[in-house]
Structures are given as structure tokens and as C-alpha cells.
Amino acid sequence: MRKEDIIIAGLSIFSFASTIAAIVCAERLRMASNVLDTTTEKLVSKDIDISDELVEKIVEKAVDREASYHIRKSLDKAADKIADRYESEIKTAIEEEMKIQRSDLEKTLKKKIGNVDISEIKRKVMAEAKDACMEKIKDDLDELSDKYTEQVESMASIYETVANKIQSIGD
């Protein structure tokens, strides 16, 4: 037997087995469908007896849930309206209070400014300016004095060097 003949025989057997498996699966699927159809028909044909007590509980629960939803929704709307109203009232009250306090502050400042002695302020400013100028002049004079002292010392050093040279020439 050739290799190709073995492969063809194997494929034929596999094909035959697959066909038989498909037939078996189809038959089992048909049987399951029949059982399901029969069960469904039995359930539909029977009157299902639901007790009035169970129906009342279900209706009561649904009514409570719906009532709670509407109550919560109404409370939320009422709370929003109250918050909006109070926000508006608070804003108005704050604005009025700010106007009153601004007016009071303006009056107080005008009164305090009216009581200010300008000549006293001028005198203090002049005294402070004089002190600042004196301090500046003193600092500038100290700086000039330091530079002058430095230059005098430098010139003294030069004269001393020249004197030493002259003296060394004469010796």
C-alpha cells in the first residue's frame, strides 16, 4: 500500500466518523428541543396561582418605592428653592452692610484727615530730611577724608623716597 492510499483511507474514515457524530448530535438536539417544547406547553397551559397576599406585597413595595422617589425628588426641589432664596437674601444683606460700612469708613477717614496737623507733619518731615542729609554729608566727608589721607600718605611715601635718593647721592 502506498502512502497516498493510507492518507485517503484515513480521511475517509475520519469523514465517516464525523458524519456519524453530526447525525448523533442532530438527534440529541432534536430530542432536547422536543423536551423543551413539551415543558413550555405544559407551563403555558397551566394556570399559575399567585396568592393575593403576594400580589399585595409586590404592589405595596412598588408603591412605596415610587412614593419614596417622588418625595425625594420634591424634597430636593424644595431644598434647592430654599437655598436659592437664602443665597439671594444673604447676598443682598452683605451688599447693604458693605455700603453702610463703606460710608462709615469714609466718614471716619474724613474726620481723622481733618484732624491732622499738617504743620506738625511738615516739621517732622523737615527734621527727618535734615537728619538724612546730615548723615549723607557725613558719609561723603568720611569717604573724602579717607581718600585724602590715602593720597597724603602716598605723597609722603614719594617724598621720603626722593629724600632718601638725594641723601644717597650726596653721600
Protein backbone atom coordinates (compact mmCIF):
# COMPACT_ATOMS: atom_id res chain seq x y z
CA MET A 1 0.00 0.00 0.00
CA ARG A 2 1.18 3.42 -0.86
CA LYS A 3 1.37 6.41 1.46
CA GLU A 4 -1.31 8.26 -0.53
CA ASP A 5 -3.70 5.29 -0.22
CA ILE A 6 -3.23 5.29 3.57
CA ILE A 7 -3.91 9.03 3.76
CA ILE A 8 -7.05 8.66 1.58
CA ALA A 9 -8.28 5.77 3.73
CA GLY A 10 -7.64 7.77 6.92
CA LEU A 11 -9.50 10.76 5.57
CA SER A 12 -12.41 8.56 4.52
CA ILE A 13 -12.65 7.03 7.99
CA PHE A 14 -12.42 10.49 9.59
CA SER A 15 -15.13 11.81 7.24
CA PHE A 16 -17.39 8.80 8.02
CA ALA A 17 -16.88 9.27 11.81
CA SER A 18 -17.60 12.99 11.53
CA THR A 19 -20.82 12.30 9.63
CA ILE A 20 -21.99 9.81 12.26
CA ALA A 21 -21.10 12.27 15.07
CA ALA A 22 -23.06 15.03 13.30
CA ILE A 23 -26.09 12.74 12.96
CA VAL A 24 -25.90 11.78 16.67
CA CYS A 25 -25.58 15.48 17.71
CA ALA A 26 -28.52 16.46 15.49
CA GLU A 27 -30.67 13.69 17.03
CA ARG A 28 -29.78 14.74 20.59
CA LEU A 29 -30.51 18.40 19.74
CA ARG A 30 -33.91 17.38 18.30
CA MET A 31 -34.73 15.37 21.46
CA ALA A 32 -33.72 18.33 23.72
CA SER A 33 -35.87 20.65 21.61
CA ASN A 34 -38.86 18.31 21.95
CA VAL A 35 -38.42 18.16 25.74
CA LEU A 36 -38.18 21.97 25.92
CA ASP A 37 -41.28 22.39 23.73
CA THR A 38 -43.24 19.95 25.87
CA THR A 39 -42.21 21.69 29.12
CA THR A 40 -43.07 25.11 27.70
CA GLU A 41 -46.51 23.89 26.54
CA LYS A 42 -47.21 22.42 29.99
CA LEU A 43 -46.28 25.69 31.70
CA VAL A 44 -48.38 27.79 29.32
CA SER A 45 -51.41 25.50 29.54
CA LYS A 46 -51.43 25.51 33.35
CA ASP A 47 -52.95 28.34 35.32
CA ILE A 48 -50.37 29.65 37.73
CA ASP A 49 -51.97 30.54 41.01
CA ILE A 50 -50.42 33.62 42.60
CA SER A 51 -51.75 34.43 46.02
CA ASP A 52 -53.46 37.77 46.60
CA GLU A 53 -51.15 38.31 49.55
CA LEU A 54 -48.09 38.07 47.30
CA VAL A 55 -49.66 40.45 44.76
CA GLU A 56 -50.46 42.94 47.54
CA LYS A 57 -46.89 42.81 48.87
CA ILE A 58 -45.46 43.38 45.41
CA VAL A 59 -47.87 46.27 44.71
CA GLU A 60 -47.19 47.79 48.14
CA LYS A 61 -43.43 47.58 47.61
CA ALA A 62 -43.74 49.21 44.16
CA VAL A 63 -45.97 51.97 45.57
CA ASP A 64 -43.50 52.62 48.41
CA ARG A 65 -40.57 52.75 46.01
CA GLU A 66 -42.39 55.16 43.66
CA ALA A 67 -43.61 57.31 46.56
CA SER A 68 -40.10 57.48 48.03
CA TYR A 69 -38.70 58.54 44.66
CA HIS A 70 -41.25 61.35 44.25
CA ILE A 71 -40.86 62.51 47.87
CA ARG A 72 -37.07 62.60 47.49
CA LYS A 73 -37.41 64.50 44.22
CA SER A 74 -39.83 67.01 45.80
CA LEU A 75 -37.56 67.50 48.82
CA ASP A 76 -34.57 68.10 46.54
CA LYS A 77 -36.50 70.74 44.58
CA ALA A 78 -37.70 72.40 47.79
CA ALA A 79 -34.17 72.42 49.22
CA ASP A 80 -32.83 73.97 46.01
CA LYS A 81 -35.52 76.69 46.10
CA ILE A 82 -34.81 77.45 49.77
CA ALA A 83 -31.06 77.56 49.12
CA ASP A 84 -31.56 79.91 46.17
CA ARG A 85 -33.79 82.20 48.22
CA TYR A 86 -31.38 82.33 51.17
CA GLU A 87 -28.43 82.85 48.87
CA SER A 88 -30.19 85.84 47.32
CA GLU A 89 -31.16 87.25 50.72
CA ILE A 90 -27.64 86.77 52.12
CA LYS A 91 -26.07 88.39 49.08
CA THR A 92 -28.40 91.40 49.38
CA ALA A 93 -27.73 91.71 53.13
CA ILE A 94 -23.96 91.57 52.59
CA GLU A 95 -24.10 94.23 49.87
CA GLU A 96 -26.19 96.53 52.10
CA GLU A 97 -23.82 96.01 55.05
CA MET A 98 -20.82 96.76 52.82
CA LYS A 99 -22.45 100.03 51.71
CA ILE A 100 -23.09 101.01 55.34
CA GLN A 101 -19.54 100.10 56.44
CA ARG A 102 -18.02 101.88 53.42
CA SER A 103 -19.98 105.00 54.32
CA ASP A 104 -18.93 104.76 57.98
CA LEU A 105 -15.30 104.23 56.98
CA GLU A 106 -15.37 107.24 54.66
CA LYS A 107 -16.79 109.43 57.45
CA THR A 108 -14.17 108.19 59.93
CA LEU A 109 -11.31 108.76 57.49
CA LYS A 110 -12.54 112.26 56.60
CA LYS A 111 -12.74 113.11 60.29
CA LYS A 112 -9.24 111.77 61.02
CA ILE A 113 -7.76 113.50 57.98
CA GLY A 114 -9.45 116.74 59.03
CA ASN A 115 -7.79 116.49 62.45
CA VAL A 116 -4.29 116.02 61.02
CA ASP A 117 -1.94 118.93 61.80
CA ILE A 118 -0.12 119.49 58.50
CA SER A 119 2.41 121.91 60.03
CA GLU A 120 3.43 119.22 62.53
CA ILE A 121 3.86 116.72 59.68
CA LYS A 122 5.93 119.27 57.74
CA ARG A 123 8.12 119.89 60.77
CA LYS A 124 8.70 116.14 61.28
CA VAL A 125 9.44 115.59 57.58
CA MET A 126 11.87 118.51 57.57
CA ALA A 127 13.64 117.20 60.67
CA GLU A 128 13.91 113.70 59.19
CA ALA A 129 15.12 115.09 55.83
CA LYS A 130 17.72 117.26 57.66
CA ASP A 131 18.96 114.23 59.62
CA ALA A 132 19.15 112.16 56.43
CA CYS A 133 21.08 114.92 54.62
CA MET A 134 23.48 115.33 57.54
CA GLU A 135 24.11 111.61 57.60
CA LYS A 136 24.73 111.58 53.83
CA ILE A 137 27.13 114.56 54.06
CA LYS A 138 28.96 112.92 56.97
CA ASP A 139 29.34 109.70 54.98
CA ASP A 140 30.59 111.63 51.93
CA LEU A 141 33.06 113.63 54.09
CA ASP A 142 34.34 110.44 55.70
CA GLU A 143 34.87 108.96 52.24
CA LEU A 144 36.68 112.11 51.04
CA SER A 145 38.79 112.20 54.19
CA ASP A 146 39.81 108.57 53.67
CA LYS A 147 40.80 109.30 50.04
CA TYR A 148 42.72 112.47 51.08
CA THR A 149 44.53 110.60 53.82
CA GLU A 150 45.43 107.88 51.34
CA GLN A 151 46.78 110.44 48.85
CA VAL A 152 48.74 112.31 51.53
CA GLU A 153 50.31 109.07 52.70
CA SER A 154 51.12 108.17 49.10
CA MET A 155 52.77 111.60 48.53
CA ALA A 156 54.65 111.30 51.84
CA SER A 157 55.97 107.97 50.68
CA ILE A 158 57.06 109.53 47.37
CA TYR A 159 58.81 112.48 49.16
CA GLU A 160 60.51 110.10 51.53
CA THR A 161 61.77 108.00 48.61
CA VAL A 162 63.03 111.15 46.81
CA ALA A 163 64.70 112.39 50.03
CA ASN A 164 66.39 109.03 50.50
CA LYS A 165 67.67 109.15 46.88
CA ILE A 166 69.01 112.69 47.28
CA GLN A 167 70.68 111.78 50.51
CA SER A 168 72.24 108.65 48.98
CA ILE A 169 73.60 110.77 46.06
CA GLY A 170 75.20 113.23 48.46
CA ASP A 171 76.90 110.51 50.47
